[in-house]
């Protein structure tokens, strides 16, 4: 499971920058980003720049697979794994 801080930062960025203008609901941690067409190649590049510049994590090409970008929860887990942040178990 991803660190909640990473997940929250990603949610804030994706909702403010990448969420389609005509999408009424906010994106949540489990919203299917690729399936709904929210994340395309250009938006993925923008997201990768944010992850590198703001979260300090470079995503290597081997990690750029659909399963790591299917939703915010998956992205946060990947970022945390790459940064060495231990996974949380829901705050317990």
PDB file of N, CA and C in Angstrom:
ATOM      1  N   UNK A   1       0.853  -1.182   0.000  1.00  0.00           N
ATOM      2  CA  UNK A   1       0.000   0.000   0.000  1.00  0.00           C
ATOM      3  C   UNK A   1       0.896   1.241   0.000  1.00  0.00           C
ATOM      4  N   UNK A   2       0.481   2.284  -0.660  1.00  0.00           N
ATOM      5  CA  UNK A   2       1.267   3.508  -0.786  1.00  0.00           C
ATOM      6  C   UNK A   2       1.182   4.374   0.466  1.00  0.00           C
ATOM      7  N   UNK A   3       2.213   5.199   0.642  1.00  0.00           N
ATOM      8  CA  UNK A   3       2.213   6.189   1.712  1.00  0.00           C
ATOM      9  C   UNK A   3       1.111   7.209   1.415  1.00  0.00           C
ATOM     10  N   UNK A   4       0.314   7.542   2.419  1.00  0.00           N
ATOM     11  CA  UNK A   4      -0.815   8.457   2.206  1.00  0.00           C
ATOM     12  C   UNK A   4      -0.361   9.835   1.745  1.00  0.00           C
ATOM     13  N   UNK A   5       0.799  10.299   2.202  1.00  0.00           N
ATOM     14  CA  UNK A   5       1.282  11.616   1.787  1.00  0.00           C
ATOM     15  C   UNK A   5       1.561  11.640   0.292  1.00  0.00           C
ATOM     16  N   UNK A   6       2.193  10.592  -0.211  1.00  0.00           N
ATOM     17  CA  UNK A   6       2.476  10.510  -1.645  1.00  0.00           C
ATOM     18  C   UNK A   6       1.173  10.474  -2.423  1.00  0.00           C
ATOM     19  N   UNK A   7       0.251   9.651  -1.974  1.00  0.00           N
ATOM     20  CA  UNK A   7      -1.044   9.528  -2.637  1.00  0.00           C
ATOM     21  C   UNK A   7      -1.773  10.872  -2.651  1.00  0.00           C
ATOM     22  N   UNK A   8      -1.773  11.574  -1.529  1.00  0.00           N
ATOM     23  CA  UNK A   8      -2.447  12.878  -1.440  1.00  0.00           C
ATOM     24  C   UNK A   8      -1.819  13.901  -2.380  1.00  0.00           C
ATOM     25  N   UNK A   9      -0.493  13.933  -2.448  1.00  0.00           N
ATOM     26  CA  UNK A   9       0.196  14.873  -3.338  1.00  0.00           C
ATOM     27  C   UNK A   9      -0.138  14.576  -4.793  1.00  0.00           C
ATOM     28  N   UNK A  10      -0.131  13.303  -5.148  1.00  0.00           N
ATOM     29  CA  UNK A  10      -0.471  12.920  -6.516  1.00  0.00           C
ATOM     30  C   UNK A  10      -1.919  13.257  -6.846  1.00  0.00           C
ATOM     31  N   UNK A  11      -2.829  12.981  -5.920  1.00  0.00           N
ATOM     32  CA  UNK A  11      -4.241  13.310  -6.151  1.00  0.00           C
ATOM     33  C   UNK A  11      -4.432  14.803  -6.368  1.00  0.00           C
ATOM     34  N   UNK A  12      -3.782  15.607  -5.545  1.00  0.00           N
ATOM     35  CA  UNK A  12      -3.909  17.056  -5.686  1.00  0.00           C
ATOM     36  C   UNK A  12      -3.395  17.515  -7.049  1.00  0.00           C
ATOM     37  N   UNK A  13      -2.235  17.017  -7.455  1.00  0.00           N
ATOM     38  CA  UNK A  13      -1.664  17.403  -8.744  1.00  0.00           C
ATOM     39  C   UNK A  13      -2.541  16.937  -9.905  1.00  0.00           C
ATOM     40  N   UNK A  14      -2.945  15.685  -9.884  1.00  0.00           N
ATOM     41  CA  UNK A  14      -3.737  15.138 -10.989  1.00  0.00           C
ATOM     42  C   UNK A  14      -5.087  15.835 -11.092  1.00  0.00           C
ATOM     43  N   UNK A  15      -5.735  16.096  -9.968  1.00  0.00           N
ATOM     44  CA  UNK A  15      -7.027  16.789 -10.007  1.00  0.00           C
ATOM     45  C   UNK A  15      -6.894  18.230 -10.478  1.00  0.00           C
ATOM     46  N   UNK A  16      -5.817  18.906 -10.097  1.00  0.00           N
ATOM     47  CA  UNK A  16      -5.673  20.320 -10.468  1.00  0.00           C
ATOM     48  C   UNK A  16      -5.075  20.515 -11.857  1.00  0.00           C
ATOM     49  N   UNK A  17      -4.325  19.536 -12.349  1.00  0.00           N
ATOM     50  CA  UNK A  17      -3.596  19.729 -13.600  1.00  0.00           C
ATOM     51  C   UNK A  17      -4.038  18.806 -14.731  1.00  0.00           C
ATOM     52  N   UNK A  18      -4.315  17.560 -14.435  1.00  0.00           N
ATOM     53  CA  UNK A  18      -4.560  16.571 -15.490  1.00  0.00           C
ATOM     54  C   UNK A  18      -6.016  16.166 -15.669  1.00  0.00           C
ATOM     55  N   UNK A  19      -6.851  16.432 -14.692  1.00  0.00           N
ATOM     56  CA  UNK A  19      -8.266  16.035 -14.777  1.00  0.00           C
ATOM     57  C   UNK A  19      -8.945  16.808 -15.900  1.00  0.00           C
ATOM     58  N   UNK A  20      -9.659  16.102 -16.782  1.00  0.00           N
ATOM     59  CA  UNK A  20     -10.370  16.791 -17.863  1.00  0.00           C
ATOM     60  C   UNK A  20     -11.354  17.832 -17.321  1.00  0.00           C
ATOM     61  N   UNK A  21     -11.434  18.952 -17.994  1.00  0.00           N
ATOM     62  CA  UNK A  21     -12.306  20.058 -17.563  1.00  0.00           C
ATOM     63  C   UNK A  21     -13.776  19.637 -17.501  1.00  0.00           C
ATOM     64  N   UNK A  22     -14.172  18.715 -18.372  1.00  0.00           N
ATOM     65  CA  UNK A  22     -15.577  18.299 -18.411  1.00  0.00           C
ATOM     66  C   UNK A  22     -15.894  17.151 -17.440  1.00  0.00           C
ATOM     67  N   UNK A  23     -14.918  16.750 -16.659  1.00  0.00           N
ATOM     68  CA  UNK A  23     -15.134  15.678 -15.680  1.00  0.00           C
ATOM     69  C   UNK A  23     -15.661  16.292 -14.392  1.00  0.00           C
ATOM     70  N   UNK A  24     -16.887  15.937 -14.029  1.00  0.00           N
ATOM     71  CA  UNK A  24     -17.546  16.555 -12.873  1.00  0.00           C
ATOM     72  C   UNK A  24     -16.947  16.103 -11.546  1.00  0.00           C
ATOM     73  N   UNK A  25     -16.670  14.822 -11.430  1.00  0.00           N
ATOM     74  CA  UNK A  25     -16.184  14.278 -10.160  1.00  0.00           C
ATOM     75  C   UNK A  25     -14.673  14.386 -10.046  1.00  0.00           C
ATOM     76  N   UNK A  26     -14.205  14.539  -8.811  1.00  0.00           N
ATOM     77  CA  UNK A  26     -12.771  14.525  -8.563  1.00  0.00           C
ATOM     78  C   UNK A  26     -12.243  13.106  -8.732  1.00  0.00           C
ATOM     79  N   UNK A  27     -11.003  13.017  -9.150  1.00  0.00           N
ATOM     80  CA  UNK A  27     -10.341  11.730  -9.267  1.00  0.00           C
ATOM     81  C   UNK A  27     -10.000  11.255  -7.859  1.00  0.00           C
ATOM     82  N   UNK A  28     -10.244   9.982  -7.605  1.00  0.00           N
ATOM     83  CA  UNK A  28      -9.931   9.375  -6.311  1.00  0.00           C
ATOM     84  C   UNK A  28      -8.796   8.378  -6.497  1.00  0.00           C
ATOM     85  N   UNK A  29      -8.299   7.844  -5.400  1.00  0.00           N
ATOM     86  CA  UNK A  29      -7.136   6.947  -5.442  1.00  0.00           C
ATOM     87  C   UNK A  29      -7.356   5.728  -6.336  1.00  0.00           C
ATOM     88  N   UNK A  30      -8.588   5.240  -6.421  1.00  0.00           N
ATOM     89  CA  UNK A  30      -8.871   4.052  -7.212  1.00  0.00           C
ATOM     90  C   UNK A  30      -9.473   4.314  -8.579  1.00  0.00           C
ATOM     91  N   UNK A  31      -9.594   5.578  -8.975  1.00  0.00           N
ATOM     92  CA  UNK A  31     -10.152   5.908 -10.291  1.00  0.00           C
ATOM     93  C   UNK A  31      -9.247   5.338 -11.385  1.00  0.00           C
ATOM     94  N   UNK A  32      -9.799   4.577 -12.338  1.00  0.00           N
ATOM     95  CA  UNK A  32      -8.977   3.984 -13.402  1.00  0.00           C
ATOM     96  C   UNK A  32      -8.533   5.036 -14.430  1.00  0.00           C
ATOM     97  N   UNK A  33      -7.318   5.517 -14.294  1.00  0.00           N
ATOM     98  CA  UNK A  33      -6.827   6.643 -15.090  1.00  0.00           C
ATOM     99  C   UNK A  33      -6.660   6.314 -16.571  1.00  0.00           C
ATOM    100  N   UNK A  34      -6.112   5.165 -16.875  1.00  0.00           N
ATOM    101  CA  UNK A  34      -5.891   4.796 -18.275  1.00  0.00           C
ATOM    102  C   UNK A  34      -7.207   4.373 -18.912  1.00  0.00           C
ATOM    103  N   UNK A  35      -7.951   3.555 -18.204  1.00  0.00           N
ATOM    104  CA  UNK A  35      -9.223   3.039 -18.718  1.00  0.00           C
ATOM    105  C   UNK A  35     -10.195   4.164 -19.081  1.00  0.00           C
ATOM    106  N   UNK A  36     -10.214   5.237 -18.284  1.00  0.00           N
ATOM    107  CA  UNK A  36     -11.119   6.361 -18.548  1.00  0.00           C
ATOM    108  C   UNK A  36     -10.518   7.399 -19.493  1.00  0.00           C
ATOM    109  N   UNK A  37      -9.291   7.168 -19.953  1.00  0.00           N
ATOM    110  CA  UNK A  37      -8.658   8.098 -20.881  1.00  0.00           C
ATOM    111  C   UNK A  37      -8.127   9.357 -20.214  1.00  0.00           C
ATOM    112  N   UNK A  38      -8.012   9.350 -18.898  1.00  0.00           N
ATOM    113  CA  UNK A  38      -7.507  10.517 -18.173  1.00  0.00           C
ATOM    114  C   UNK A  38      -6.009  10.651 -18.382  1.00  0.00           C
ATOM    115  N   UNK A  39      -5.310   9.526 -18.436  1.00  0.00           N
ATOM    116  CA  UNK A  39      -3.867   9.512 -18.607  1.00  0.00           C
ATOM    117  C   UNK A  39      -3.539   9.041 -20.016  1.00  0.00           C
ATOM    118  N   UNK A  40      -3.036   9.966 -20.846  1.00  0.00           N
ATOM    119  CA  UNK A  40      -2.557   9.619 -22.178  1.00  0.00           C
ATOM    120  C   UNK A  40      -1.047   9.849 -22.200  1.00  0.00           C
ATOM    121  N   UNK A  41      -0.418   9.755 -23.354  1.00  0.00           N
ATOM    122  CA  UNK A  41       1.043   9.869 -23.406  1.00  0.00           C
ATOM    123  C   UNK A  41       1.535  11.247 -22.967  1.00  0.00           C
ATOM    124  N   UNK A  42       0.869  12.311 -23.380  1.00  0.00           N
ATOM    125  CA  UNK A  42       1.287  13.657 -22.993  1.00  0.00           C
ATOM    126  C   UNK A  42       1.099  13.878 -21.494  1.00  0.00           C
ATOM    127  N   UNK A  43      -0.050  13.494 -20.975  1.00  0.00           N
ATOM    128  CA  UNK A  43      -0.309  13.678 -19.540  1.00  0.00           C
ATOM    129  C   UNK A  43       0.605  12.790 -18.690  1.00  0.00           C
ATOM    130  N   UNK A  44       0.976  11.626 -19.212  1.00  0.00           N
ATOM    131  CA  UNK A  44       1.923  10.778 -18.492  1.00  0.00           C
ATOM    132  C   UNK A  44       3.281  11.461 -18.412  1.00  0.00           C
ATOM    133  N   UNK A  45       3.706  12.103 -19.498  1.00  0.00           N
ATOM    134  CA  UNK A  45       4.977  12.840 -19.486  1.00  0.00           C
ATOM    135  C   UNK A  45       4.928  13.986 -18.477  1.00  0.00           C
ATOM    136  N   UNK A  46       3.809  14.698 -18.427  1.00  0.00           N
ATOM    137  CA  UNK A  46       3.642  15.788 -17.453  1.00  0.00           C
ATOM    138  C   UNK A  46       3.702  15.225 -16.033  1.00  0.00           C
ATOM    139  N   UNK A  47       3.032  14.109 -15.811  1.00  0.00           N
ATOM    140  CA  UNK A  47       3.036  13.464 -14.498  1.00  0.00           C
ATOM    141  C   UNK A  47       4.442  13.009 -14.109  1.00  0.00           C
ATOM    142  N   UNK A  48       5.171  12.423 -15.047  1.00  0.00           N
ATOM    143  CA  UNK A  48       6.538  11.977 -14.762  1.00  0.00           C
ATOM    144  C   UNK A  48       7.441  13.150 -14.395  1.00  0.00           C
ATOM    145  N   UNK A  49       7.259  14.287 -15.063  1.00  0.00           N
ATOM    146  CA  UNK A  49       8.024  15.490 -14.708  1.00  0.00           C
ATOM    147  C   UNK A  49       7.684  15.945 -13.293  1.00  0.00           C
ATOM    148  N   UNK A  50       6.411  15.911 -12.925  1.00  0.00           N
ATOM    149  CA  UNK A  50       5.996  16.276 -11.569  1.00  0.00           C
ATOM    150  C   UNK A  50       6.630  15.330 -10.544  1.00  0.00           C
ATOM    151  N   UNK A  51       6.569  14.042 -10.815  1.00  0.00           N
ATOM    152  CA  UNK A  51       7.136  13.056  -9.891  1.00  0.00           C
ATOM    153  C   UNK A  51       8.631  13.307  -9.707  1.00  0.00           C
ATOM    154  N   UNK A  52       9.329  13.609 -10.788  1.00  0.00           N
ATOM    155  CA  UNK A  52      10.767  13.874 -10.708  1.00  0.00           C
ATOM    156  C   UNK A  52      11.057  15.186  -9.990  1.00  0.00           C
ATOM    157  N   UNK A  53      10.378  16.259 -10.410  1.00  0.00           N
ATOM    158  CA  UNK A  53      10.696  17.596  -9.893  1.00  0.00           C
ATOM    159  C   UNK A  53      10.166  17.847  -8.487  1.00  0.00           C
ATOM    160  N   UNK A  54       8.978  17.390  -8.186  1.00  0.00           N
ATOM    161  CA  UNK A  54       8.342  17.699  -6.903  1.00  0.00           C
ATOM    162  C   UNK A  54       8.493  16.597  -5.854  1.00  0.00           C
ATOM    163  N   UNK A  55       8.540  15.356  -6.305  1.00  0.00           N
ATOM    164  CA  UNK A  55       8.657  14.249  -5.354  1.00  0.00           C
ATOM    165  C   UNK A  55      10.078  13.691  -5.297  1.00  0.00           C
ATOM    166  N   UNK A  56      10.928  14.136  -6.227  1.00  0.00           N
ATOM    167  CA  UNK A  56      12.333  13.742  -6.207  1.00  0.00           C
ATOM    168  C   UNK A  56      12.605  12.305  -6.610  1.00  0.00           C
ATOM    169  N   UNK A  57      11.727  11.742  -7.436  1.00  0.00           N
ATOM    170  CA  UNK A  57      11.876  10.346  -7.851  1.00  0.00           C
ATOM    171  C   UNK A  57      11.896  10.273  -9.373  1.00  0.00           C
ATOM    172  N   UNK A  58      12.946   9.659  -9.915  1.00  0.00           N
ATOM    173  CA  UNK A  58      13.009   9.410 -11.352  1.00  0.00           C
ATOM    174  C   UNK A  58      12.467   8.013 -11.620  1.00  0.00           C
ATOM    175  N   UNK A  59      11.525   7.931 -12.531  1.00  0.00           N
ATOM    176  CA  UNK A  59      10.918   6.645 -12.871  1.00  0.00           C
ATOM    177  C   UNK A  59      11.696   6.053 -14.046  1.00  0.00           C
ATOM    178  N   UNK A  60      12.360   4.911 -13.830  1.00  0.00           N
ATOM    179  CA  UNK A  60      13.123   4.296 -14.919  1.00  0.00           C
ATOM    180  C   UNK A  60      12.190   3.699 -15.974  1.00  0.00           C
ATOM    181  N   UNK A  61      12.676   3.590 -17.216  1.00  0.00           N
ATOM    182  CA  UNK A  61      11.837   3.054 -18.295  1.00  0.00           C
ATOM    183  C   UNK A  61      11.213   1.693 -17.982  1.00  0.00           C
ATOM    184  N   UNK A  62      11.916   0.849 -17.243  1.00  0.00           N
ATOM    185  CA  UNK A  62      11.376  -0.485 -16.925  1.00  0.00           C
ATOM    186  C   UNK A  62      10.127  -0.413 -16.057  1.00  0.00           C
ATOM    187  N   UNK A  63       9.913   0.705 -15.362  1.00  0.00           N
ATOM    188  CA  UNK A  63       8.741   0.866 -14.496  1.00  0.00           C
ATOM    189  C   UNK A  63       7.561   1.509 -15.223  1.00  0.00           C
ATOM    190  N   UNK A  64       7.775   1.931 -16.460  1.00  0.00           N
ATOM    191  CA  UNK A  64       6.718   2.613 -17.210  1.00  0.00           C
ATOM    192  C   UNK A  64       5.828   1.600 -17.921  1.00  0.00           C
ATOM    193  N   UNK A  65       5.075   0.877 -17.112  1.00  0.00           N
ATOM    194  CA  UNK A  65       4.125  -0.110 -17.615  1.00  0.00           C
ATOM    195  C   UNK A  65       2.729   0.270 -17.122  1.00  0.00           C
ATOM    196  N   UNK A  66       1.726  -0.140 -17.863  1.00  0.00           N
ATOM    197  CA  UNK A  66       0.347   0.262 -17.558  1.00  0.00           C
ATOM    198  C   UNK A  66      -0.064  -0.075 -16.129  1.00  0.00           C
ATOM    199  N   UNK A  67       0.383  -1.201 -15.613  1.00  0.00           N
ATOM    200  CA  UNK A  67      -0.040  -1.596 -14.263  1.00  0.00           C
ATOM    201  C   UNK A  67       0.448  -0.624 -13.190  1.00  0.00           C
ATOM    202  N   UNK A  68       1.539   0.090 -13.438  1.00  0.00           N
ATOM    203  CA  UNK A  68       2.038   1.080 -12.476  1.00  0.00           C
ATOM    204  C   UNK A  68       1.301   2.410 -12.567  1.00  0.00           C
ATOM    205  N   UNK A  69       0.500   2.590 -13.620  1.00  0.00           N
ATOM    206  CA  UNK A  69      -0.190   3.859 -13.845  1.00  0.00           C
ATOM    207  C   UNK A  69      -1.705   3.688 -13.934  1.00  0.00           C
ATOM    208  N   UNK A  70      -2.217   2.531 -13.525  1.00  0.00           N
ATOM    209  CA  UNK A  70      -3.655   2.279 -13.691  1.00  0.00           C
ATOM    210  C   UNK A  70      -4.525   3.180 -12.829  1.00  0.00           C
ATOM    211  N   UNK A  71      -4.015   3.586 -11.654  1.00  0.00           N
ATOM    212  CA  UNK A  71      -4.737   4.508 -10.777  1.00  0.00           C
ATOM    213  C   UNK A  71      -3.726   5.204  -9.870  1.00  0.00           C
ATOM    214  N   UNK A  72      -4.179   6.183  -9.116  1.00  0.00           N
ATOM    215  CA  UNK A  72      -3.281   6.961  -8.260  1.00  0.00           C
ATOM    216  C   UNK A  72      -2.646   6.065  -7.196  1.00  0.00           C
ATOM    217  N   UNK A  73      -3.387   5.128  -6.693  1.00  0.00           N
ATOM    218  CA  UNK A  73      -2.855   4.207  -5.678  1.00  0.00           C
ATOM    219  C   UNK A  73      -1.644   3.442  -6.225  1.00  0.00           C
ATOM    220  N   UNK A  74      -1.733   2.967  -7.464  1.00  0.00           N
ATOM    221  CA  UNK A  74      -0.627   2.233  -8.092  1.00  0.00           C
ATOM    222  C   UNK A  74       0.571   3.140  -8.344  1.00  0.00           C
ATOM    223  N   UNK A  75       0.308   4.356  -8.790  1.00  0.00           N
ATOM    224  CA  UNK A  75       1.393   5.305  -9.040  1.00  0.00           C
ATOM    225  C   UNK A  75       2.113   5.624  -7.737  1.00  0.00           C
ATOM    226  N   UNK A  76       1.356   5.881  -6.679  1.00  0.00           N
ATOM    227  CA  UNK A  76       1.953   6.208  -5.380  1.00  0.00           C
ATOM    228  C   UNK A  76       2.778   5.040  -4.847  1.00  0.00           C
ATOM    229  N   UNK A  77       2.298   3.821  -5.013  1.00  0.00           N
ATOM    230  CA  UNK A  77       3.039   2.644  -4.553  1.00  0.00           C
ATOM    231  C   UNK A  77       4.359   2.522  -5.306  1.00  0.00           C
ATOM    232  N   UNK A  78       4.330   2.770  -6.615  1.00  0.00           N
ATOM    233  CA  UNK A  78       5.551   2.716  -7.411  1.00  0.00           C
ATOM    234  C   UNK A  78       6.530   3.792  -6.961  1.00  0.00           C
ATOM    235  N   UNK A  79       6.038   5.029  -6.788  1.00  0.00           N
ATOM    236  CA  UNK A  79       6.889   6.141  -6.361  1.00  0.00           C
ATOM    237  C   UNK A  79       7.511   5.837  -5.002  1.00  0.00           C
ATOM    238  N   UNK A  80       6.719   5.343  -4.076  1.00  0.00           N
ATOM    239  CA  UNK A  80       7.235   5.014  -2.747  1.00  0.00           C
ATOM    240  C   UNK A  80       8.280   3.906  -2.814  1.00  0.00           C
ATOM    241  N   UNK A  81       8.030   2.894  -3.640  1.00  0.00           N
ATOM    242  CA  UNK A  81       8.999   1.801  -3.774  1.00  0.00           C
ATOM    243  C   UNK A  81      10.319   2.316  -4.350  1.00  0.00           C
ATOM    244  N   UNK A  82      10.230   3.205  -5.327  1.00  0.00           N
ATOM    245  CA  UNK A  82      11.439   3.755  -5.941  1.00  0.00           C
ATOM    246  C   UNK A  82      12.186   4.699  -5.009  1.00  0.00           C
ATOM    247  N   UNK A  83      11.459   5.341  -4.104  1.00  0.00           N
ATOM    248  CA  UNK A  83      12.095   6.294  -3.191  1.00  0.00           C
ATOM    249  C   UNK A  83      12.530   5.646  -1.884  1.00  0.00           C
ATOM    250  N   UNK A  84      12.144   4.392  -1.677  1.00  0.00           N
ATOM    251  CA  UNK A  84      12.536   3.692  -0.463  1.00  0.00           C
ATOM    252  C   UNK A  84      11.638   3.942   0.728  1.00  0.00           C
ATOM    253  N   UNK A  85      10.483   4.600   0.523  1.00  0.00           N
ATOM    254  CA  UNK A  85       9.531   4.813   1.616  1.00  0.00           C
ATOM    255  C   UNK A  85       8.826   3.489   1.892  1.00  0.00           C
ATOM    256  N   UNK A  86       8.835   3.033   3.140  1.00  0.00           N
ATOM    257  CA  UNK A  86       8.153   1.768   3.435  1.00  0.00           C
ATOM    258  C   UNK A  86       6.647   1.882   3.223  1.00  0.00           C
ATOM    259  N   UNK A  87       6.054   0.810   2.748  1.00  0.00           N
ATOM    260  CA  UNK A  87       4.604   0.783   2.535  1.00  0.00           C
ATOM    261  C   UNK A  87       3.889   0.851   3.874  1.00  0.00           C
ATOM    262  N   UNK A  88       2.729   1.514   3.874  1.00  0.00           N
ATOM    263  CA  UNK A  88       1.924   1.576   5.091  1.00  0.00           C
ATOM    264  C   UNK A  88       0.861   0.501   5.015  1.00  0.00           C
ATOM    265  N   UNK A  89       0.294   0.196   6.150  1.00  0.00           N
ATOM    266  CA  UNK A  89      -0.761  -0.817   6.182  1.00  0.00           C
ATOM    267  C   UNK A  89      -2.080  -0.205   6.614  1.00  0.00           C
ATOM    268  N   UNK A  90      -2.330   1.007   6.124  1.00  0.00           N
ATOM    269  CA  UNK A  90      -3.584   1.670   6.449  1.00  0.00           C
ATOM    270  C   UNK A  90      -3.551   2.394   7.776  1.00  0.00           C
ATOM    271  N   UNK A  91      -2.349   2.648   8.305  1.00  0.00           N
ATOM    272  CA  UNK A  91      -2.242   3.417   9.530  1.00  0.00           C
ATOM    273  C   UNK A  91      -2.278   2.594  10.800  1.00  0.00           C
ATOM    274  N   UNK A  92      -2.242   1.285  10.647  1.00  0.00           N
ATOM    275  CA  UNK A  92      -2.287   0.423  11.836  1.00  0.00           C
ATOM    276  C   UNK A  92      -0.875   0.168  12.327  1.00  0.00           C
TER     277      UNK A  92
END
